[in-house]
Amino acid sequence: MTVYILLINWTEQGVKSVRDSPKRLDAAKKALADIGGKFREFYLTMGDYDMVAVVEAPDDAVMARYALQLGMMGNVRTHTLKAFPEAAYREIVASMA
């Protein structure tokens, strides 16, 4: 499976109901599992982003669909980064002539 890093910010709507956010996280985890992905890690963060999640999905289309579903709920906005593990990084660099 492909690894993605989600950089997440609450919207005004999402932060107004922040007390409900643990339930929304549980629902988000289930929604990703239902389409074949999974959460690896989740962090509440300080700085430019409110939360960071490391997730897995079968492919880019599944991840795009998931990110759009999250956005449609109106509580968060996401920035998605496709992540290459160290072994893939080394292979990519080694293949450069």
PDB file of N, CA and C in Angstrom:
ATOM      1  N   MET A   1       0.837  -1.183   0.000  1.00  0.00           N
ATOM      2  CA  MET A   1       0.000   0.000   0.000  1.00  0.00           C
ATOM      3  C   MET A   1       0.880   1.244   0.000  1.00  0.00           C
ATOM      4  N   THR A   2       0.337   2.303  -0.524  1.00  0.00           N
ATOM      5  CA  THR A   2       1.047   3.567  -0.590  1.00  0.00           C
ATOM      6  C   THR A   2       0.824   4.353   0.696  1.00  0.00           C
ATOM      7  N   VAL A   3       1.874   5.027   1.144  1.00  0.00           N
ATOM      8  CA  VAL A   3       1.807   5.833   2.360  1.00  0.00           C
ATOM      9  C   VAL A   3       1.574   7.294   1.976  1.00  0.00           C
ATOM     10  N   TYR A   4       0.724   7.955   2.744  1.00  0.00           N
ATOM     11  CA  TYR A   4       0.431   9.367   2.547  1.00  0.00           C
ATOM     12  C   TYR A   4       0.517  10.081   3.886  1.00  0.00           C
ATOM     13  N   ILE A   5       0.943  11.315   3.839  1.00  0.00           N
ATOM     14  CA  ILE A   5       0.952  12.168   5.025  1.00  0.00           C
ATOM     15  C   ILE A   5      -0.124  13.224   4.805  1.00  0.00           C
ATOM     16  N   LEU A   6      -1.045  13.305   5.744  1.00  0.00           N
ATOM     17  CA  LEU A   6      -2.110  14.304   5.679  1.00  0.00           C
ATOM     18  C   LEU A   6      -1.780  15.427   6.649  1.00  0.00           C
ATOM     19  N   LEU A   7      -1.669  16.629   6.125  1.00  0.00           N
ATOM     20  CA  LEU A   7      -1.516  17.821   6.944  1.00  0.00           C
ATOM     21  C   LEU A   7      -2.911  18.423   7.059  1.00  0.00           C
ATOM     22  N   ILE A   8      -3.397  18.577   8.271  1.00  0.00           N
ATOM     23  CA  ILE A   8      -4.813  18.872   8.482  1.00  0.00           C
ATOM     24  C   ILE A   8      -4.988  20.140   9.313  1.00  0.00           C
ATOM     25  N   ASN A   9      -5.924  20.977   8.880  1.00  0.00           N
ATOM     26  CA  ASN A   9      -6.336  22.145   9.651  1.00  0.00           C
ATOM     27  C   ASN A   9      -7.837  22.108   9.856  1.00  0.00           C
ATOM     28  N   TRP A  10      -8.254  22.504  11.059  1.00  0.00           N
ATOM     29  CA  TRP A  10      -9.671  22.649  11.307  1.00  0.00           C
ATOM     30  C   TRP A  10     -10.207  23.843  10.538  1.00  0.00           C
ATOM     31  N   THR A  11     -11.402  23.734  10.068  1.00  0.00           N
ATOM     32  CA  THR A  11     -12.125  24.883   9.526  1.00  0.00           C
ATOM     33  C   THR A  11     -12.760  25.612  10.717  1.00  0.00           C
ATOM     34  N   GLU A  12     -13.374  26.740  10.459  1.00  0.00           N
ATOM     35  CA  GLU A  12     -14.077  27.441  11.534  1.00  0.00           C
ATOM     36  C   GLU A  12     -15.159  26.540  12.133  1.00  0.00           C
ATOM     37  N   GLN A  13     -15.880  25.836  11.260  1.00  0.00           N
ATOM     38  CA  GLN A  13     -16.912  24.892  11.722  1.00  0.00           C
ATOM     39  C   GLN A  13     -16.303  23.799  12.593  1.00  0.00           C
ATOM     40  N   GLY A  14     -15.162  23.255  12.165  1.00  0.00           N
ATOM     41  CA  GLY A  14     -14.540  22.154  12.896  1.00  0.00           C
ATOM     42  C   GLY A  14     -14.030  22.555  14.260  1.00  0.00           C
ATOM     43  N   VAL A  15     -13.445  23.741  14.363  1.00  0.00           N
ATOM     44  CA  VAL A  15     -12.902  24.159  15.650  1.00  0.00           C
ATOM     45  C   VAL A  15     -14.016  24.581  16.614  1.00  0.00           C
ATOM     46  N   LYS A  16     -15.140  25.058  16.093  1.00  0.00           N
ATOM     47  CA  LYS A  16     -16.262  25.406  16.969  1.00  0.00           C
ATOM     48  C   LYS A  16     -16.793  24.172  17.690  1.00  0.00           C
ATOM     49  N   SER A  17     -16.681  23.023  17.066  1.00  0.00           N
ATOM     50  CA  SER A  17     -17.162  21.785  17.689  1.00  0.00           C
ATOM     51  C   SER A  17     -15.987  20.844  17.981  1.00  0.00           C
ATOM     52  N   VAL A  18     -14.884  21.418  18.460  1.00  0.00           N
ATOM     53  CA  VAL A  18     -13.656  20.639  18.692  1.00  0.00           C
ATOM     54  C   VAL A  18     -13.871  19.503  19.692  1.00  0.00           C
ATOM     55  N   ARG A  19     -14.792  19.677  20.606  1.00  0.00           N
ATOM     56  CA  ARG A  19     -15.043  18.604  21.589  1.00  0.00           C
ATOM     57  C   ARG A  19     -15.547  17.323  20.921  1.00  0.00           C
ATOM     58  N   ASP A  20     -16.139  17.474  19.737  1.00  0.00           N
ATOM     59  CA  ASP A  20     -16.616  16.312  18.990  1.00  0.00           C
ATOM     60  C   ASP A  20     -15.534  15.700  18.104  1.00  0.00           C
ATOM     61  N   SER A  21     -14.373  16.329  18.040  1.00  0.00           N
ATOM     62  CA  SER A  21     -13.365  15.877  17.078  1.00  0.00           C
ATOM     63  C   SER A  21     -12.850  14.459  17.328  1.00  0.00           C
ATOM     64  N   PRO A  22     -12.741  13.963  18.569  1.00  0.00           N
ATOM     65  CA  PRO A  22     -12.343  12.555  18.713  1.00  0.00           C
ATOM     66  C   PRO A  22     -13.325  11.588  18.043  1.00  0.00           C
ATOM     67  N   LYS A  23     -14.617  11.896  18.129  1.00  0.00           N
ATOM     68  CA  LYS A  23     -15.614  11.052  17.446  1.00  0.00           C
ATOM     69  C   LYS A  23     -15.456  11.157  15.935  1.00  0.00           C
ATOM     70  N   ARG A  24     -15.151  12.363  15.453  1.00  0.00           N
ATOM     71  CA  ARG A  24     -14.952  12.539  14.012  1.00  0.00           C
ATOM     72  C   ARG A  24     -13.699  11.800  13.554  1.00  0.00           C
ATOM     73  N   LEU A  25     -12.649  11.783  14.388  1.00  0.00           N
ATOM     74  CA  LEU A  25     -11.448  11.026  14.047  1.00  0.00           C
ATOM     75  C   LEU A  25     -11.768   9.536  13.944  1.00  0.00           C
ATOM     76  N   ASP A  26     -12.531   9.024  14.887  1.00  0.00           N
ATOM     77  CA  ASP A  26     -12.924   7.609  14.830  1.00  0.00           C
ATOM     78  C   ASP A  26     -13.695   7.316  13.548  1.00  0.00           C
ATOM     79  N   ALA A  27     -14.604   8.223  13.180  1.00  0.00           N
ATOM     80  CA  ALA A  27     -15.378   8.045  11.941  1.00  0.00           C
ATOM     81  C   ALA A  27     -14.472   8.127  10.719  1.00  0.00           C
ATOM     82  N   ALA A  28     -13.485   9.017  10.755  1.00  0.00           N
ATOM     83  CA  ALA A  28     -12.543   9.151   9.632  1.00  0.00           C
ATOM     84  C   ALA A  28     -11.702   7.884   9.477  1.00  0.00           C
ATOM     85  N   LYS A  29     -11.283   7.314  10.590  1.00  0.00           N
ATOM     86  CA  LYS A  29     -10.518   6.063  10.545  1.00  0.00           C
ATOM     87  C   LYS A  29     -11.359   4.942   9.936  1.00  0.00           C
ATOM     88  N   LYS A  30     -12.619   4.868  10.350  1.00  0.00           N
ATOM     89  CA  LYS A  30     -13.507   3.835   9.821  1.00  0.00           C
ATOM     90  C   LYS A  30     -13.754   4.042   8.330  1.00  0.00           C
ATOM     91  N   ALA A  31     -13.961   5.288   7.925  1.00  0.00           N
ATOM     92  CA  ALA A  31     -14.211   5.585   6.511  1.00  0.00           C
ATOM     93  C   ALA A  31     -13.029   5.164   5.648  1.00  0.00           C
ATOM     94  N   LEU A  32     -11.816   5.397   6.126  1.00  0.00           N
ATOM     95  CA  LEU A  32     -10.638   4.984   5.365  1.00  0.00           C
ATOM     96  C   LEU A  32     -10.531   3.462   5.329  1.00  0.00           C
ATOM     97  N   ALA A  33     -10.789   2.819   6.441  1.00  0.00           N
ATOM     98  CA  ALA A  33     -10.751   1.350   6.479  1.00  0.00           C
ATOM     99  C   ALA A  33     -11.788   0.752   5.532  1.00  0.00           C
ATOM    100  N   ASP A  34     -12.944   1.391   5.448  1.00  0.00           N
ATOM    101  CA  ASP A  34     -14.020   0.886   4.588  1.00  0.00           C
ATOM    102  C   ASP A  34     -13.646   0.910   3.102  1.00  0.00           C
ATOM    103  N   ILE A  35     -12.702   1.763   2.723  1.00  0.00           N
ATOM    104  CA  ILE A  35     -12.278   1.817   1.316  1.00  0.00           C
ATOM    105  C   ILE A  35     -10.895   1.204   1.115  1.00  0.00           C
ATOM    106  N   GLY A  36     -10.439   0.431   2.114  1.00  0.00           N
ATOM    107  CA  GLY A  36      -9.216  -0.345   1.944  1.00  0.00           C
ATOM    108  C   GLY A  36      -7.950   0.271   2.497  1.00  0.00           C
ATOM    109  N   GLY A  37      -8.056   1.377   3.214  1.00  0.00           N
ATOM    110  CA  GLY A  37      -6.867   2.019   3.780  1.00  0.00           C
ATOM    111  C   GLY A  37      -6.801   1.862   5.275  1.00  0.00           C
ATOM    112  N   LYS A  38      -5.824   2.525   5.883  1.00  0.00           N
ATOM    113  CA  LYS A  38      -5.733   2.498   7.342  1.00  0.00           C
ATOM    114  C   LYS A  38      -4.867   3.641   7.841  1.00  0.00           C
ATOM    115  N   PHE A  39      -5.131   4.046   9.061  1.00  0.00           N
ATOM    116  CA  PHE A  39      -4.308   5.039   9.743  1.00  0.00           C
ATOM    117  C   PHE A  39      -3.108   4.329  10.353  1.00  0.00           C
ATOM    118  N   ARG A  40      -1.938   4.867  10.158  1.00  0.00           N
ATOM    119  CA  ARG A  40      -0.741   4.361  10.840  1.00  0.00           C
ATOM    120  C   ARG A  40      -0.512   5.143  12.124  1.00  0.00           C
ATOM    121  N   GLU A  41      -0.578   6.488  11.993  1.00  0.00           N
ATOM    122  CA  GLU A  41      -0.318   7.360  13.140  1.00  0.00           C
ATOM    123  C   GLU A  41      -1.168   8.612  13.015  1.00  0.00           C
ATOM    124  N   PHE A  42      -1.439   9.228  14.161  1.00  0.00           N
ATOM    125  CA  PHE A  42      -2.174  10.480  14.195  1.00  0.00           C
ATOM    126  C   PHE A  42      -1.586  11.357  15.286  1.00  0.00           C
ATOM    127  N   TYR A  43      -1.432  12.643  15.000  1.00  0.00           N
ATOM    128  CA  TYR A  43      -0.869  13.587  15.963  1.00  0.00           C
ATOM    129  C   TYR A  43      -1.655  14.887  15.978  1.00  0.00           C
ATOM    130  N   LEU A  44      -1.910  15.427  17.151  1.00  0.00           N
ATOM    131  CA  LEU A  44      -2.326  16.803  17.313  1.00  0.00           C
ATOM    132  C   LEU A  44      -1.029  17.600  17.301  1.00  0.00           C
ATOM    133  N   THR A  45      -0.972  18.667  16.513  1.00  0.00           N
ATOM    134  CA  THR A  45       0.291  19.382  16.361  1.00  0.00           C
ATOM    135  C   THR A  45       0.123  20.868  16.655  1.00  0.00           C
ATOM    136  N   MET A  46       1.251  21.517  16.886  1.00  0.00           N
ATOM    137  CA  MET A  46       1.295  22.960  17.081  1.00  0.00           C
ATOM    138  C   MET A  46       2.084  23.541  15.913  1.00  0.00           C
ATOM    139  N   GLY A  47       1.662  24.672  15.409  1.00  0.00           N
ATOM    140  CA  GLY A  47       2.356  25.280  14.289  1.00  0.00           C
ATOM    141  C   GLY A  47       1.395  25.532  13.149  1.00  0.00           C
ATOM    142  N   ASP A  48       1.858  25.348  11.928  1.00  0.00           N
ATOM    143  CA  ASP A  48       1.051  25.660  10.748  1.00  0.00           C
ATOM    144  C   ASP A  48      -0.135  24.715  10.561  1.00  0.00           C
ATOM    145  N   TYR A  49      -0.049  23.519  11.108  1.00  0.00           N
ATOM    146  CA  TYR A  49      -1.119  22.538  10.956  1.00  0.00           C
ATOM    147  C   TYR A  49      -1.618  22.110  12.324  1.00  0.00           C
ATOM    148  N   ASP A  50      -2.922  21.831  12.384  1.00  0.00           N
ATOM    149  CA  ASP A  50      -3.537  21.427  13.648  1.00  0.00           C
ATOM    150  C   ASP A  50      -3.327  19.952  13.953  1.00  0.00           C
ATOM    151  N   MET A  51      -3.271  19.144  12.891  1.00  0.00           N
ATOM    152  CA  MET A  51      -3.111  17.700  13.051  1.00  0.00           C
ATOM    153  C   MET A  51      -2.293  17.158  11.884  1.00  0.00           C
ATOM    154  N   VAL A  52      -1.650  16.020  12.117  1.00  0.00           N
ATOM    155  CA  VAL A  52      -0.920  15.305  11.069  1.00  0.00           C
ATOM    156  C   VAL A  52      -1.276  13.833  11.199  1.00  0.00           C
ATOM    157  N   ALA A  53      -1.571  13.208  10.060  1.00  0.00           N
ATOM    158  CA  ALA A  53      -1.863  11.773  10.058  1.00  0.00           C
ATOM    159  C   ALA A  53      -0.985  11.090   9.015  1.00  0.00           C
ATOM    160  N   VAL A  54      -0.511   9.926   9.356  1.00  0.00           N
ATOM    161  CA  VAL A  54       0.197   9.067   8.412  1.00  0.00           C
ATOM    162  C   VAL A  54      -0.757   7.918   8.127  1.00  0.00           C
ATOM    163  N   VAL A  55      -1.133   7.785   6.860  1.00  0.00           N
ATOM    164  CA  VAL A  55      -2.132   6.796   6.480  1.00  0.00           C
ATOM    165  C   VAL A  55      -1.633   5.967   5.301  1.00  0.00           C
ATOM    166  N   GLU A  56      -2.325   4.866   5.061  1.00  0.00           N
ATOM    167  CA  GLU A  56      -2.055   4.021   3.902  1.00  0.00           C
ATOM    168  C   GLU A  56      -3.334   3.896   3.089  1.00  0.00           C
ATOM    169  N   ALA A  57      -3.172   3.842   1.774  1.00  0.00           N
ATOM    170  CA  ALA A  57      -4.303   3.607   0.873  1.00  0.00           C
ATOM    171  C   ALA A  57      -3.807   2.764  -0.290  1.00  0.00           C
ATOM    172  N   PRO A  58      -4.707   2.025  -0.928  1.00  0.00           N
ATOM    173  CA  PRO A  58      -4.295   1.165  -2.030  1.00  0.00           C
ATOM    174  C   PRO A  58      -3.690   1.917  -3.220  1.00  0.00           C
ATOM    175  N   ASP A  59      -4.179   3.133  -3.480  1.00  0.00           N
ATOM    176  CA  ASP A  59      -3.646   3.897  -4.614  1.00  0.00           C
ATOM    177  C   ASP A  59      -4.052   5.359  -4.491  1.00  0.00           C
ATOM    178  N   ASP A  60      -3.549   6.184  -5.424  1.00  0.00           N
ATOM    179  CA  ASP A  60      -3.805   7.619  -5.390  1.00  0.00           C
ATOM    180  C   ASP A  60      -5.286   7.946  -5.537  1.00  0.00           C
ATOM    181  N   ALA A  61      -6.004   7.199  -6.350  1.00  0.00           N
ATOM    182  CA  ALA A  61      -7.423   7.477  -6.550  1.00  0.00           C
ATOM    183  C   ALA A  61      -8.211   7.276  -5.259  1.00  0.00           C
ATOM    184  N   VAL A  62      -7.904   6.233  -4.529  1.00  0.00           N
ATOM    185  CA  VAL A  62      -8.573   5.988  -3.251  1.00  0.00           C
ATOM    186  C   VAL A  62      -8.251   7.112  -2.282  1.00  0.00           C
ATOM    187  N   MET A  63      -6.992   7.531  -2.237  1.00  0.00           N
ATOM    188  CA  MET A  63      -6.604   8.606  -1.328  1.00  0.00           C
ATOM    189  C   MET A  63      -7.271   9.908  -1.706  1.00  0.00           C
ATOM    190  N   ALA A  64      -7.363  10.206  -2.992  1.00  0.00           N
ATOM    191  CA  ALA A  64      -8.027  11.430  -3.444  1.00  0.00           C
ATOM    192  C   ALA A  64      -9.493  11.410  -3.055  1.00  0.00           C
ATOM    193  N   ARG A  65     -10.156  10.290  -3.257  1.00  0.00           N
ATOM    194  CA  ARG A  65     -11.561  10.148  -2.892  1.00  0.00           C
ATOM    195  C   ARG A  65     -11.741  10.374  -1.386  1.00  0.00           C
ATOM    196  N   TYR A  66     -10.844   9.799  -0.599  1.00  0.00           N
ATOM    197  CA  TYR A  66     -10.921   9.943   0.856  1.00  0.00           C
ATOM    198  C   TYR A  66     -10.734  11.400   1.278  1.00  0.00           C
ATOM    199  N   ALA A  67      -9.736  12.062   0.729  1.00  0.00           N
ATOM    200  CA  ALA A  67      -9.485  13.464   1.081  1.00  0.00           C
ATOM    201  C   ALA A  67     -10.679  14.344   0.696  1.00  0.00           C
ATOM    202  N   LEU A  68     -11.281  14.054  -0.440  1.00  0.00           N
ATOM    203  CA  LEU A  68     -12.462  14.809  -0.845  1.00  0.00           C
ATOM    204  C   LEU A  68     -13.641  14.564   0.106  1.00  0.00           C
ATOM    205  N   GLN A  69     -13.795  13.317   0.535  1.00  0.00           N
ATOM    206  CA  GLN A  69     -14.862  12.999   1.493  1.00  0.00           C
ATOM    207  C   GLN A  69     -14.669  13.772   2.794  1.00  0.00           C
ATOM    208  N   LEU A  70     -13.433  13.842   3.269  1.00  0.00           N
ATOM    209  CA  LEU A  70     -13.162  14.598   4.496  1.00  0.00           C
ATOM    210  C   LEU A  70     -13.514  16.068   4.299  1.00  0.00           C
ATOM    211  N   GLY A  71     -13.097  16.631   3.187  1.00  0.00           N
ATOM    212  CA  GLY A  71     -13.368  18.035   2.907  1.00  0.00           C
ATOM    213  C   GLY A  71     -14.851  18.339   2.812  1.00  0.00           C
ATOM    214  N   MET A  72     -15.617  17.413   2.244  1.00  0.00           N
ATOM    215  CA  MET A  72     -17.061  17.615   2.082  1.00  0.00           C
ATOM    216  C   MET A  72     -17.782  17.738   3.427  1.00  0.00           C
ATOM    217  N   MET A  73     -17.217  17.157   4.467  1.00  0.00           N
ATOM    218  CA  MET A  73     -17.847  17.224   5.791  1.00  0.00           C
ATOM    219  C   MET A  73     -17.743  18.620   6.397  1.00  0.00           C
ATOM    220  N   GLY A  74     -16.770  19.397   5.931  1.00  0.00           N
ATOM    221  CA  GLY A  74     -16.671  20.789   6.341  1.00  0.00           C
ATOM    222  C   GLY A  74     -15.931  21.073   7.627  1.00  0.00           C
ATOM    223  N   ASN A  75     -15.371  20.059   8.276  1.00  0.00           N
ATOM    224  CA  ASN A  75     -14.685  20.272   9.554  1.00  0.00           C
ATOM    225  C   ASN A  75     -13.183  20.463   9.421  1.00  0.00           C
ATOM    226  N   VAL A  76     -12.605  19.952   8.339  1.00  0.00           N
ATOM    227  CA  VAL A  76     -11.158  20.062   8.136  1.00  0.00           C
ATOM    228  C   VAL A  76     -10.833  20.340   6.675  1.00  0.00           C
ATOM    229  N   ARG A  77      -9.651  20.868   6.473  1.00  0.00           N
ATOM    230  CA  ARG A  77      -9.052  21.002   5.149  1.00  0.00           C
ATOM    231  C   ARG A  77      -7.732  20.235   5.203  1.00  0.00           C
ATOM    232  N   THR A  78      -7.439  19.512   4.148  1.00  0.00           N
ATOM    233  CA  THR A  78      -6.235  18.676   4.160  1.00  0.00           C
ATOM    234  C   THR A  78      -5.284  19.052   3.039  1.00  0.00           C
ATOM    235  N   HIS A  79      -4.025  18.778   3.275  1.00  0.00           N
ATOM    236  CA  HIS A  79      -2.972  18.801   2.258  1.00  0.00           C
ATOM    237  C   HIS A  79      -2.388  17.398   2.278  1.00  0.00           C
ATOM    238  N   THR A  80      -2.382  16.745   1.128  1.00  0.00           N
ATOM    239  CA  THR A  80      -1.947  15.351   1.057  1.00  0.00           C
ATOM    240  C   THR A  80      -0.576  15.257   0.410  1.00  0.00           C
ATOM    241  N   LEU A  81       0.319  14.541   1.074  1.00  0.00           N
ATOM    242  CA  LEU A  81       1.657  14.293   0.549  1.00  0.00           C
ATOM    243  C   LEU A  81       1.821  12.795   0.325  1.00  0.00           C
ATOM    244  N   LYS A  82       2.243  12.423  -0.862  1.00  0.00           N
ATOM    245  CA  LYS A  82       2.559  11.014  -1.119  1.00  0.00           C
ATOM    246  C   LYS A  82       3.953  10.783  -0.559  1.00  0.00           C
ATOM    247  N   ALA A  83       4.108   9.733   0.226  1.00  0.00           N
ATOM    248  CA  ALA A  83       5.370   9.478   0.917  1.00  0.00           C
ATOM    249  C   ALA A  83       6.041   8.220   0.381  1.00  0.00           C
ATOM    250  N   PHE A  84       7.319   8.314   0.158  1.00  0.00           N
ATOM    251  CA  PHE A  84       8.117   7.171  -0.274  1.00  0.00           C
ATOM    252  C   PHE A  84       8.954   6.699   0.913  1.00  0.00           C
ATOM    253  N   PRO A  85       8.862   5.433   1.287  1.00  0.00           N
ATOM    254  CA  PRO A  85       9.679   4.938   2.400  1.00  0.00           C
ATOM    255  C   PRO A  85      11.156   4.955   2.030  1.00  0.00           C
ATOM    256  N   GLU A  86      11.999   4.800   3.028  1.00  0.00           N
ATOM    257  CA  GLU A  86      13.442   4.910   2.823  1.00  0.00           C
ATOM    258  C   GLU A  86      13.950   3.977   1.727  1.00  0.00           C
ATOM    259  N   ALA A  87      13.482   2.744   1.694  1.00  0.00           N
ATOM    260  CA  ALA A  87      13.955   1.799   0.670  1.00  0.00           C
ATOM    261  C   ALA A  87      13.636   2.310  -0.735  1.00  0.00           C
ATOM    262  N   ALA A  88      12.436   2.858  -0.923  1.00  0.00           N
ATOM    263  CA  ALA A  88      12.065   3.404  -2.230  1.00  0.00           C
ATOM    264  C   ALA A  88      12.894   4.637  -2.555  1.00  0.00           C
ATOM    265  N   TYR A  89      13.135   5.482  -1.567  1.00  0.00           N
ATOM    266  CA  TYR A  89      13.990   6.652  -1.753  1.00  0.00           C
ATOM    267  C   TYR A  89      15.366   6.235  -2.240  1.00  0.00           C
ATOM    268  N   ARG A  90      15.953   5.232  -1.579  1.00  0.00           N
ATOM    269  CA  ARG A  90      17.293   4.768  -1.966  1.00  0.00           C
ATOM    270  C   ARG A  90      17.284   4.198  -3.393  1.00  0.00           C
ATOM    271  N   GLU A  91      16.234   3.469  -3.731  1.00  0.00           N
ATOM    272  CA  GLU A  91      16.114   2.895  -5.077  1.00  0.00           C
ATOM    273  C   GLU A  91      15.985   4.006  -6.130  1.00  0.00           C
ATOM    274  N   ILE A  92      15.194   5.001  -5.840  1.00  0.00           N
ATOM    275  CA  ILE A  92      15.015   6.124  -6.774  1.00  0.00           C
ATOM    276  C   ILE A  92      16.346   6.840  -6.997  1.00  0.00           C
ATOM    277  N   VAL A  93      17.032   7.143  -5.927  1.00  0.00           N
ATOM    278  CA  VAL A  93      18.314   7.856  -6.057  1.00  0.00           C
ATOM    279  C   VAL A  93      19.349   6.996  -6.754  1.00  0.00           C
ATOM    280  N   ALA A  94      19.382   5.708  -6.423  1.00  0.00           N
ATOM    281  CA  ALA A  94      20.352   4.806  -7.050  1.00  0.00           C
ATOM    282  C   ALA A  94      20.102   4.654  -8.553  1.00  0.00           C
ATOM    283  N   SER A  95      18.864   4.820  -8.976  1.00  0.00           N
ATOM    284  CA  SER A  95      18.545   4.646 -10.402  1.00  0.00           C
ATOM    285  C   SER A  95      18.920   5.864 -11.250  1.00  0.00           C
ATOM    286  N   MET A  96      19.335   6.923 -10.589  1.00  0.00           N
ATOM    287  CA  MET A  96      19.711   8.129 -11.335  1.00  0.00           C
ATOM    288  C   MET A  96      21.095   7.957 -11.942  1.00  0.00           C
ATOM    289  N   ALA A  97      21.206   8.226 -13.203  1.00  0.00           N
ATOM    290  CA  ALA A  97      22.507   8.048 -13.868  1.00  0.00           C
ATOM    291  C   ALA A  97      23.345   9.292 -13.792  1.00  0.00           C
TER     292      ALA A  97
END
